[in-house]
Amino acid sequence: MTKKEIRDNILKKRLDLDQEKYEKYSQKIVEKLRNQIKKWDFDSIALYYPINKEVDVLPLIEELLKTQKKVYLPKVLGKQMKMGRVKSLDRLIKGKFNIPEPIEEEFSSKIDLYIIPAIAYDFKGYRLGYGGGYYDRYFLQNPKTHLIGVIFNFQLISSFPTHSNDLKVDFIITEKSEIEILNV
């Protein structure tokens, strides 16, 4: 299958996911994510605003905003993506793809931990996104620290065609498993 066929197939499955299962699976993933990030010593964390039934991390964002941690969300500027600081989910504005983004122009590329959505991940940690290459380009220009991919279990696939610039995460969390990616 081509990347486009995989993308279309998995996105359809995700959009068709029953609302009750979506909420239940998201809660399980966020709980595992909470436990995982407690293990890391971090001051700053980048997450995402969920669209198209991506894992709902909004409760985790709300919790993190109440702590001393610096929270960042992606902001698209032309063909580039930057990580903009968020101090409240009420201070977001619809961006280029109609995705809520930070209003402030306080950007950082020195982020300790990233939580990254995807259409799919494979067992080697490679990410298949929507096809725009924003995360791939971002990490070509910014340091890769600790990268955690979050998806539903049906989005985890054995393999797909990859390129040298494709983003690879260190850890994948689904509602059923936690997979540490070993660099072999």
N, C-alpha and C. Protein backbone atom coordinates (compact mmCIF):
# COMPACT_ATOMS: atom_id res chain seq x y z
N MET A 1 0.84 -1.20 0.00
CA MET A 1 0.00 0.00 0.00
C MET A 1 0.87 1.25 0.00
N THR A 2 0.40 2.29 -0.66
CA THR A 2 1.12 3.56 -0.68
C THR A 2 0.82 4.31 0.62
N LYS A 3 1.61 5.33 0.90
CA LYS A 3 1.37 6.15 2.08
C LYS A 3 -0.03 6.77 2.02
N LYS A 4 -0.44 7.22 0.83
CA LYS A 4 -1.76 7.84 0.68
C LYS A 4 -2.87 6.83 0.99
N GLU A 5 -2.73 5.61 0.52
CA GLU A 5 -3.74 4.58 0.79
C GLU A 5 -3.80 4.25 2.28
N ILE A 6 -2.65 4.14 2.91
CA ILE A 6 -2.60 3.89 4.36
C ILE A 6 -3.25 5.04 5.10
N ARG A 7 -2.85 6.26 4.73
CA ARG A 7 -3.39 7.47 5.35
C ARG A 7 -4.92 7.49 5.25
N ASP A 8 -5.44 7.30 4.04
CA ASP A 8 -6.90 7.35 3.81
C ASP A 8 -7.62 6.27 4.62
N ASN A 9 -7.09 5.06 4.61
CA ASN A 9 -7.69 3.93 5.30
C ASN A 9 -7.75 4.16 6.81
N ILE A 10 -6.62 4.54 7.39
CA ILE A 10 -6.56 4.71 8.85
C ILE A 10 -7.34 5.94 9.29
N LEU A 11 -7.27 7.02 8.53
CA LEU A 11 -8.03 8.22 8.89
C LEU A 11 -9.53 7.92 8.89
N LYS A 12 -9.99 7.16 7.91
CA LYS A 12 -11.41 6.78 7.86
C LYS A 12 -11.78 5.97 9.11
N LYS A 13 -10.94 5.00 9.48
CA LYS A 13 -11.19 4.20 10.69
C LYS A 13 -11.27 5.09 11.92
N ARG A 14 -10.35 6.06 11.99
CA ARG A 14 -10.33 6.94 13.17
C ARG A 14 -11.57 7.82 13.22
N LEU A 15 -11.95 8.37 12.08
CA LEU A 15 -13.14 9.22 12.05
C LEU A 15 -14.41 8.43 12.33
N ASP A 16 -14.42 7.14 11.97
CA ASP A 16 -15.58 6.28 12.21
C ASP A 16 -15.61 5.71 13.62
N LEU A 17 -14.57 5.96 14.41
CA LEU A 17 -14.50 5.43 15.77
C LEU A 17 -15.68 5.93 16.59
N ASP A 18 -16.39 5.00 17.19
CA ASP A 18 -17.52 5.30 18.06
C ASP A 18 -17.10 6.30 19.15
N GLN A 19 -17.93 7.31 19.42
CA GLN A 19 -17.59 8.39 20.36
C GLN A 19 -17.26 7.86 21.75
N GLU A 20 -17.99 6.86 22.19
CA GLU A 20 -17.75 6.30 23.53
C GLU A 20 -16.37 5.63 23.59
N LYS A 21 -16.02 4.87 22.54
CA LYS A 21 -14.70 4.25 22.48
C LYS A 21 -13.61 5.30 22.35
N TYR A 22 -13.88 6.33 21.55
CA TYR A 22 -12.91 7.42 21.37
C TYR A 22 -12.55 8.03 22.73
N GLU A 23 -13.56 8.35 23.51
CA GLU A 23 -13.33 8.96 24.83
C GLU A 23 -12.63 7.98 25.77
N LYS A 24 -13.07 6.73 25.79
CA LYS A 24 -12.49 5.71 26.67
C LYS A 24 -11.02 5.47 26.31
N TYR A 25 -10.73 5.27 25.02
CA TYR A 25 -9.36 5.03 24.58
C TYR A 25 -8.47 6.24 24.86
N SER A 26 -9.00 7.44 24.60
CA SER A 26 -8.22 8.66 24.85
C SER A 26 -7.87 8.76 26.33
N GLN A 27 -8.84 8.47 27.21
CA GLN A 27 -8.57 8.53 28.65
C GLN A 27 -7.49 7.54 29.05
N LYS A 28 -7.53 6.33 28.49
CA LYS A 28 -6.51 5.32 28.82
C LYS A 28 -5.13 5.79 28.37
N ILE A 29 -5.07 6.35 27.17
CA ILE A 29 -3.79 6.82 26.63
C ILE A 29 -3.25 7.98 27.47
N VAL A 30 -4.12 8.92 27.82
CA VAL A 30 -3.69 10.07 28.61
C VAL A 30 -3.20 9.62 29.98
N GLU A 31 -3.84 8.61 30.58
CA GLU A 31 -3.38 8.10 31.87
C GLU A 31 -1.98 7.49 31.74
N LYS A 32 -1.76 6.71 30.69
CA LYS A 32 -0.43 6.13 30.45
C LYS A 32 0.58 7.24 30.18
N LEU A 33 0.18 8.24 29.45
CA LEU A 33 1.05 9.37 29.13
C LEU A 33 1.43 10.12 30.41
N ARG A 34 0.46 10.36 31.28
CA ARG A 34 0.71 10.99 32.57
C ARG A 34 1.79 10.23 33.34
N ASN A 35 1.62 8.90 33.42
CA ASN A 35 2.58 8.07 34.14
C ASN A 35 3.95 8.10 33.48
N GLN A 36 3.98 8.12 32.17
CA GLN A 36 5.24 8.12 31.44
C GLN A 36 5.99 9.45 31.64
N ILE A 37 5.27 10.56 31.52
CA ILE A 37 5.98 11.85 31.61
C ILE A 37 6.44 12.16 33.03
N LYS A 38 5.84 11.51 34.01
CA LYS A 38 6.32 11.68 35.40
C LYS A 38 7.75 11.16 35.54
N LYS A 39 8.13 10.24 34.68
CA LYS A 39 9.47 9.65 34.73
C LYS A 39 10.54 10.60 34.18
N TRP A 40 10.12 11.58 33.40
CA TRP A 40 11.07 12.49 32.76
C TRP A 40 11.25 13.75 33.59
N ASP A 41 12.45 14.25 33.62
CA ASP A 41 12.71 15.53 34.26
C ASP A 41 12.59 16.59 33.17
N PHE A 42 11.48 17.30 33.16
CA PHE A 42 11.28 18.29 32.10
C PHE A 42 10.67 19.58 32.63
N ASP A 43 11.03 20.67 31.97
CA ASP A 43 10.46 21.97 32.30
C ASP A 43 9.48 22.42 31.22
N SER A 44 9.70 21.92 29.99
CA SER A 44 8.85 22.34 28.88
C SER A 44 8.36 21.12 28.10
N ILE A 45 7.13 21.23 27.61
CA ILE A 45 6.51 20.13 26.89
C ILE A 45 5.67 20.69 25.74
N ALA A 46 5.79 20.07 24.59
CA ALA A 46 4.98 20.45 23.43
C ALA A 46 3.95 19.35 23.20
N LEU A 47 2.70 19.76 23.01
CA LEU A 47 1.64 18.81 22.70
C LEU A 47 0.97 19.26 21.40
N TYR A 48 -0.28 18.99 21.23
CA TYR A 48 -1.00 19.36 20.02
C TYR A 48 -2.46 19.55 20.38
N TYR A 49 -3.18 20.29 19.54
CA TYR A 49 -4.62 20.44 19.71
C TYR A 49 -5.28 19.37 18.85
N PRO A 50 -6.02 18.42 19.45
CA PRO A 50 -6.54 17.29 18.69
C PRO A 50 -7.62 17.66 17.66
N ILE A 51 -7.45 17.14 16.45
CA ILE A 51 -8.44 17.30 15.38
C ILE A 51 -8.73 15.92 14.78
N ASN A 52 -9.82 15.81 14.08
CA ASN A 52 -10.16 14.56 13.37
C ASN A 52 -10.00 13.32 14.23
N LYS A 53 -10.47 13.42 15.47
CA LYS A 53 -10.42 12.31 16.44
C LYS A 53 -9.00 11.81 16.73
N GLU A 54 -8.04 12.74 16.74
CA GLU A 54 -6.73 12.39 17.29
C GLU A 54 -6.93 12.17 18.79
N VAL A 55 -6.02 11.46 19.42
CA VAL A 55 -6.11 11.21 20.86
C VAL A 55 -6.35 12.56 21.56
N ASP A 56 -7.37 12.59 22.41
CA ASP A 56 -7.75 13.83 23.10
C ASP A 56 -6.82 14.08 24.29
N VAL A 57 -5.85 14.95 24.09
CA VAL A 57 -4.89 15.29 25.14
C VAL A 57 -5.25 16.60 25.86
N LEU A 58 -6.43 17.17 25.55
CA LEU A 58 -6.81 18.45 26.17
C LEU A 58 -6.86 18.38 27.70
N PRO A 59 -7.35 17.28 28.31
CA PRO A 59 -7.32 17.23 29.78
C PRO A 59 -5.89 17.30 30.33
N LEU A 60 -4.95 16.66 29.65
CA LEU A 60 -3.56 16.70 30.08
C LEU A 60 -2.98 18.11 29.93
N ILE A 61 -3.32 18.78 28.83
CA ILE A 61 -2.86 20.16 28.63
C ILE A 61 -3.37 21.04 29.77
N GLU A 62 -4.66 20.90 30.10
CA GLU A 62 -5.24 21.69 31.19
C GLU A 62 -4.49 21.45 32.50
N GLU A 63 -4.18 20.19 32.80
CA GLU A 63 -3.44 19.86 34.02
C GLU A 63 -2.05 20.50 34.01
N LEU A 64 -1.36 20.37 32.89
CA LEU A 64 0.00 20.90 32.79
C LEU A 64 0.02 22.42 32.90
N LEU A 65 -1.02 23.07 32.41
CA LEU A 65 -1.08 24.54 32.50
C LEU A 65 -1.19 25.02 33.95
N LYS A 66 -1.64 24.15 34.83
CA LYS A 66 -1.77 24.51 36.25
C LYS A 66 -0.48 24.27 37.02
N THR A 67 0.54 23.75 36.33
CA THR A 67 1.82 23.48 36.98
C THR A 67 2.83 24.55 36.56
N GLN A 68 4.07 24.35 36.96
CA GLN A 68 5.14 25.27 36.60
C GLN A 68 5.75 24.94 35.24
N LYS A 69 5.22 23.92 34.56
CA LYS A 69 5.76 23.51 33.26
C LYS A 69 5.37 24.52 32.18
N LYS A 70 6.26 24.69 31.22
CA LYS A 70 5.95 25.52 30.05
C LYS A 70 5.31 24.62 29.01
N VAL A 71 4.15 25.01 28.51
CA VAL A 71 3.38 24.21 27.56
C VAL A 71 3.38 24.91 26.20
N TYR A 72 3.63 24.11 25.15
CA TYR A 72 3.69 24.64 23.78
C TYR A 72 2.78 23.85 22.86
N LEU A 73 2.23 24.55 21.88
CA LEU A 73 1.44 23.92 20.82
C LEU A 73 1.98 24.38 19.47
N PRO A 74 1.79 23.56 18.43
CA PRO A 74 2.27 23.96 17.10
C PRO A 74 1.54 25.19 16.56
N LYS A 75 2.29 26.02 15.86
CA LYS A 75 1.74 27.17 15.14
C LYS A 75 2.36 27.13 13.75
N VAL A 76 1.49 27.12 12.73
CA VAL A 76 1.97 27.04 11.34
C VAL A 76 2.13 28.44 10.79
N LEU A 77 3.35 28.70 10.27
CA LEU A 77 3.67 29.98 9.65
C LEU A 77 4.21 29.68 8.26
N GLY A 78 3.36 29.82 7.25
CA GLY A 78 3.76 29.47 5.89
C GLY A 78 3.96 27.97 5.79
N LYS A 79 5.16 27.55 5.36
CA LYS A 79 5.48 26.12 5.24
C LYS A 79 6.18 25.60 6.49
N GLN A 80 6.40 26.48 7.47
CA GLN A 80 7.11 26.10 8.69
C GLN A 80 6.14 25.97 9.86
N MET A 81 6.57 25.20 10.84
CA MET A 81 5.84 25.07 12.08
C MET A 81 6.77 25.51 13.20
N LYS A 82 6.22 26.26 14.14
CA LYS A 82 6.97 26.65 15.33
C LYS A 82 6.16 26.21 16.54
N MET A 83 6.81 26.14 17.68
CA MET A 83 6.12 25.78 18.91
C MET A 83 5.89 27.05 19.71
N GLY A 84 4.62 27.40 19.87
CA GLY A 84 4.22 28.61 20.58
C GLY A 84 3.76 28.30 21.99
N ARG A 85 4.18 29.15 22.89
CA ARG A 85 3.82 28.97 24.31
C ARG A 85 2.33 29.20 24.51
N VAL A 86 1.75 28.36 25.36
CA VAL A 86 0.33 28.46 25.69
C VAL A 86 0.22 28.67 27.20
N LYS A 87 -0.56 29.66 27.58
CA LYS A 87 -0.77 29.89 29.01
C LYS A 87 -2.21 29.57 29.41
N SER A 88 -3.09 29.45 28.40
CA SER A 88 -4.49 29.10 28.62
C SER A 88 -5.08 28.62 27.31
N LEU A 89 -5.93 27.60 27.38
CA LEU A 89 -6.59 27.13 26.16
C LEU A 89 -7.61 28.14 25.64
N ASP A 90 -7.94 29.13 26.48
CA ASP A 90 -8.83 30.22 26.04
C ASP A 90 -8.10 31.22 25.17
N ARG A 91 -6.77 31.15 25.13
CA ARG A 91 -5.96 32.11 24.38
C ARG A 91 -5.43 31.48 23.09
N LEU A 92 -6.32 30.79 22.36
CA LEU A 92 -5.95 30.18 21.09
C LEU A 92 -6.81 30.80 19.98
N ILE A 93 -6.30 30.73 18.77
CA ILE A 93 -7.02 31.25 17.60
C ILE A 93 -6.87 30.24 16.46
N LYS A 94 -7.91 30.12 15.64
CA LYS A 94 -7.84 29.18 14.52
C LYS A 94 -6.73 29.58 13.57
N GLY A 95 -5.89 28.59 13.23
CA GLY A 95 -4.74 28.84 12.36
C GLY A 95 -4.99 28.40 10.93
N LYS A 96 -3.89 28.18 10.22
CA LYS A 96 -3.90 27.88 8.79
C LYS A 96 -4.83 26.72 8.42
N PHE A 97 -4.84 25.66 9.18
CA PHE A 97 -5.67 24.49 8.87
C PHE A 97 -6.90 24.43 9.75
N ASN A 98 -7.31 25.59 10.27
CA ASN A 98 -8.47 25.70 11.14
C ASN A 98 -8.24 25.00 12.48
N ILE A 99 -6.97 24.82 12.84
CA ILE A 99 -6.60 24.20 14.10
C ILE A 99 -6.26 25.31 15.10
N PRO A 100 -6.83 25.27 16.31
CA PRO A 100 -6.48 26.29 17.30
C PRO A 100 -4.98 26.33 17.58
N GLU A 101 -4.43 27.55 17.55
CA GLU A 101 -3.00 27.78 17.77
C GLU A 101 -2.82 28.89 18.80
N PRO A 102 -1.63 28.96 19.41
CA PRO A 102 -1.36 30.04 20.37
C PRO A 102 -1.47 31.42 19.70
N ILE A 103 -2.05 32.37 20.43
CA ILE A 103 -2.14 33.75 19.94
C ILE A 103 -0.77 34.43 20.06
N GLU A 104 -0.13 34.21 21.22
CA GLU A 104 1.16 34.86 21.48
C GLU A 104 2.23 34.39 20.51
N GLU A 105 3.22 35.23 20.31
CA GLU A 105 4.34 34.91 19.44
C GLU A 105 5.57 34.55 20.27
N GLU A 106 5.35 33.84 21.38
CA GLU A 106 6.45 33.41 22.24
C GLU A 106 6.83 31.99 21.84
N PHE A 107 7.88 31.87 21.03
CA PHE A 107 8.29 30.58 20.48
C PHE A 107 9.54 30.06 21.17
N SER A 108 9.68 28.73 21.14
CA SER A 108 10.90 28.11 21.65
C SER A 108 11.21 26.88 20.83
N SER A 109 12.49 26.61 20.67
CA SER A 109 12.91 25.36 20.03
C SER A 109 13.68 24.52 21.05
N LYS A 110 13.76 25.02 22.27
CA LYS A 110 14.42 24.29 23.36
C LYS A 110 13.34 23.68 24.24
N ILE A 111 12.76 22.59 23.75
CA ILE A 111 11.66 21.93 24.45
C ILE A 111 12.13 20.54 24.87
N ASP A 112 11.84 20.20 26.13
CA ASP A 112 12.35 18.95 26.71
C ASP A 112 11.63 17.70 26.23
N LEU A 113 10.33 17.81 25.98
CA LEU A 113 9.51 16.64 25.70
C LEU A 113 8.43 16.99 24.69
N TYR A 114 8.23 16.12 23.70
CA TYR A 114 7.20 16.34 22.68
C TYR A 114 6.22 15.18 22.69
N ILE A 115 4.94 15.50 22.64
CA ILE A 115 3.87 14.52 22.47
C ILE A 115 3.34 14.75 21.06
N ILE A 116 3.45 13.73 20.19
CA ILE A 116 3.21 13.94 18.77
C ILE A 116 2.14 13.00 18.23
N PRO A 117 1.09 13.58 17.61
CA PRO A 117 0.03 12.75 17.01
C PRO A 117 0.48 12.23 15.65
N ALA A 118 -0.33 11.34 15.08
CA ALA A 118 -0.01 10.80 13.76
C ALA A 118 -1.24 10.14 13.16
N ILE A 119 -1.17 9.89 11.88
CA ILE A 119 -2.16 9.02 11.25
C ILE A 119 -1.78 7.58 11.62
N ALA A 120 -0.47 7.29 11.61
CA ALA A 120 0.02 5.96 11.97
C ALA A 120 1.46 6.06 12.43
N TYR A 121 1.87 5.07 13.21
CA TYR A 121 3.27 4.83 13.54
C TYR A 121 3.55 3.38 13.18
N ASP A 122 4.80 3.10 12.82
CA ASP A 122 5.16 1.70 12.64
C ASP A 122 5.97 1.26 13.87
N PHE A 123 6.31 -0.02 13.91
CA PHE A 123 6.99 -0.58 15.08
C PHE A 123 8.43 -0.09 15.24
N LYS A 124 8.96 0.58 14.23
CA LYS A 124 10.30 1.17 14.32
C LYS A 124 10.23 2.61 14.83
N GLY A 125 9.00 3.13 15.02
CA GLY A 125 8.83 4.49 15.53
C GLY A 125 8.64 5.54 14.47
N TYR A 126 8.59 5.15 13.20
CA TYR A 126 8.40 6.14 12.14
C TYR A 126 6.96 6.64 12.13
N ARG A 127 6.83 7.93 11.86
CA ARG A 127 5.53 8.60 11.88
C ARG A 127 5.01 8.82 10.47
N LEU A 128 3.72 8.53 10.30
CA LEU A 128 3.01 8.88 9.08
C LEU A 128 1.99 9.93 9.46
N GLY A 129 2.18 11.16 8.96
CA GLY A 129 1.27 12.25 9.28
C GLY A 129 0.31 12.51 8.14
N TYR A 130 -0.19 13.73 8.09
CA TYR A 130 -1.16 14.10 7.05
C TYR A 130 -0.50 14.31 5.69
N GLY A 131 0.83 14.40 5.65
CA GLY A 131 1.52 14.53 4.38
C GLY A 131 2.10 15.90 4.10
N GLY A 132 1.93 16.83 5.03
CA GLY A 132 2.46 18.19 4.82
C GLY A 132 3.93 18.33 5.18
N GLY A 133 4.47 17.40 5.95
CA GLY A 133 5.88 17.42 6.33
C GLY A 133 6.25 18.43 7.39
N TYR A 134 5.27 18.99 8.10
CA TYR A 134 5.57 20.05 9.08
C TYR A 134 6.44 19.55 10.24
N TYR A 135 6.09 18.40 10.82
CA TYR A 135 6.91 17.87 11.91
C TYR A 135 8.28 17.46 11.39
N ASP A 136 8.34 16.85 10.21
CA ASP A 136 9.63 16.44 9.64
C ASP A 136 10.55 17.66 9.48
N ARG A 137 10.02 18.73 8.89
CA ARG A 137 10.84 19.95 8.70
C ARG A 137 11.21 20.60 10.03
N TYR A 138 10.27 20.59 10.98
CA TYR A 138 10.54 21.18 12.29
C TYR A 138 11.75 20.51 12.94
N PHE A 139 11.78 19.17 12.91
CA PHE A 139 12.87 18.46 13.58
C PHE A 139 14.15 18.41 12.76
N LEU A 140 14.12 18.81 11.52
CA LEU A 140 15.36 18.98 10.76
C LEU A 140 16.08 20.24 11.24
N GLN A 141 15.31 21.21 11.77
CA GLN A 141 15.87 22.50 12.19
C GLN A 141 16.00 22.65 13.71
N ASN A 142 15.33 21.78 14.46
CA ASN A 142 15.30 21.91 15.92
C ASN A 142 15.73 20.61 16.58
N PRO A 143 16.30 20.73 17.79
CA PRO A 143 16.80 19.52 18.46
C PRO A 143 15.68 18.53 18.77
N LYS A 144 15.97 17.24 18.54
CA LYS A 144 15.06 16.17 18.94
C LYS A 144 15.43 15.83 20.38
N THR A 145 14.49 15.98 21.26
CA THR A 145 14.73 15.61 22.66
C THR A 145 14.02 14.28 22.90
N HIS A 146 13.03 14.24 23.74
CA HIS A 146 12.25 13.03 23.98
C HIS A 146 10.95 13.15 23.19
N LEU A 147 10.72 12.23 22.25
CA LEU A 147 9.55 12.28 21.39
C LEU A 147 8.64 11.09 21.69
N ILE A 148 7.40 11.38 22.09
CA ILE A 148 6.43 10.33 22.38
C ILE A 148 5.28 10.45 21.39
N GLY A 149 5.02 9.36 20.67
CA GLY A 149 3.90 9.31 19.74
C GLY A 149 2.68 8.73 20.43
N VAL A 150 1.52 9.35 20.19
CA VAL A 150 0.27 8.85 20.77
C VAL A 150 -0.73 8.58 19.64
N ILE A 151 -1.25 7.36 19.64
CA ILE A 151 -2.23 6.92 18.64
C ILE A 151 -3.12 5.85 19.25
N PHE A 152 -4.18 5.52 18.55
CA PHE A 152 -5.00 4.38 18.94
C PHE A 152 -4.33 3.12 18.39
N ASN A 153 -4.58 2.00 19.01
CA ASN A 153 -3.89 0.77 18.66
C ASN A 153 -4.04 0.39 17.18
N PHE A 154 -5.22 0.65 16.60
CA PHE A 154 -5.41 0.29 15.18
C PHE A 154 -4.57 1.17 14.24
N GLN A 155 -3.95 2.22 14.75
CA GLN A 155 -3.10 3.09 13.95
C GLN A 155 -1.64 2.62 13.95
N LEU A 156 -1.36 1.59 14.71
CA LEU A 156 -0.02 1.02 14.78
C LEU A 156 0.09 -0.05 13.70
N ILE A 157 0.99 0.15 12.74
CA ILE A 157 1.09 -0.79 11.63
C ILE A 157 2.52 -1.33 11.52
N SER A 158 2.65 -2.47 10.86
CA SER A 158 3.96 -3.12 10.81
C SER A 158 5.00 -2.26 10.09
N SER A 159 4.65 -1.72 8.93
CA SER A 159 5.61 -0.86 8.24
C SER A 159 4.93 -0.09 7.12
N PHE A 160 5.61 0.93 6.65
CA PHE A 160 5.20 1.70 5.48
C PHE A 160 6.45 2.30 4.88
N PRO A 161 6.38 2.77 3.62
CA PRO A 161 7.58 3.35 3.00
C PRO A 161 8.08 4.57 3.78
N THR A 162 9.37 4.61 4.06
CA THR A 162 9.95 5.75 4.79
C THR A 162 11.10 6.36 4.01
N HIS A 163 11.40 7.62 4.37
CA HIS A 163 12.52 8.36 3.79
C HIS A 163 13.45 8.78 4.92
N SER A 164 14.65 9.17 4.59
CA SER A 164 15.64 9.54 5.61
C SER A 164 15.19 10.74 6.46
N ASN A 165 14.34 11.62 5.91
CA ASN A 165 13.87 12.80 6.65
C ASN A 165 12.65 12.52 7.51
N ASP A 166 12.07 11.32 7.41
CA ASP A 166 10.85 11.03 8.16
C ASP A 166 11.12 11.01 9.66
N LEU A 167 10.18 11.58 10.40
CA LEU A 167 10.29 11.67 11.85
C LEU A 167 10.14 10.29 12.49
N LYS A 168 11.00 10.05 13.48
CA LYS A 168 10.97 8.81 14.25
C LYS A 168 10.88 9.19 15.73
N VAL A 169 9.94 8.58 16.45
CA VAL A 169 9.77 8.87 17.87
C VAL A 169 10.52 7.85 18.72
N ASP A 170 10.66 8.16 20.01
CA ASP A 170 11.37 7.29 20.95
C ASP A 170 10.43 6.30 21.64
N PHE A 171 9.15 6.64 21.65
CA PHE A 171 8.20 5.90 22.45
C PHE A 171 6.82 6.05 21.81
N ILE A 172 6.03 4.99 21.81
CA ILE A 172 4.65 5.06 21.28
C ILE A 172 3.71 4.57 22.37
N ILE A 173 2.63 5.31 22.58
CA ILE A 173 1.62 4.91 23.55
C ILE A 173 0.28 4.76 22.82
N THR A 174 -0.36 3.60 23.02
CA THR A 174 -1.72 3.37 22.56
C THR A 174 -2.54 2.98 23.78
N GLU A 175 -3.85 2.77 23.58
CA GLU A 175 -4.67 2.35 24.71
C GLU A 175 -4.31 0.94 25.18
N LYS A 176 -3.63 0.16 24.32
CA LYS A 176 -3.29 -1.22 24.67
C LYS A 176 -1.82 -1.43 24.99
N SER A 177 -0.94 -0.54 24.52
CA SER A 177 0.48 -0.82 24.72
C SER A 177 1.33 0.44 24.85
N GLU A 178 2.53 0.21 25.37
CA GLU A 178 3.56 1.23 25.46
C GLU A 178 4.81 0.61 24.83
N ILE A 179 5.30 1.23 23.81
CA ILE A 179 6.42 0.65 23.05
C ILE A 179 7.61 1.59 23.06
N GLU A 180 8.70 1.12 23.64
CA GLU A 180 9.94 1.88 23.61
C GLU A 180 10.66 1.48 22.33
N ILE A 181 11.07 2.48 21.57
CA ILE A 181 11.74 2.23 20.29
C ILE A 181 13.24 2.15 20.55
N LEU A 182 13.81 1.02 20.22
CA LEU A 182 15.24 0.85 20.39
C LEU A 182 15.94 1.21 19.09
N ASN A 183 16.96 2.02 19.19
CA ASN A 183 17.71 2.42 17.98
C ASN A 183 18.73 1.34 17.67
N VAL A 184 18.35 0.47 16.77
CA VAL A 184 19.22 -0.65 16.38
C VAL A 184 19.80 -0.39 15.02
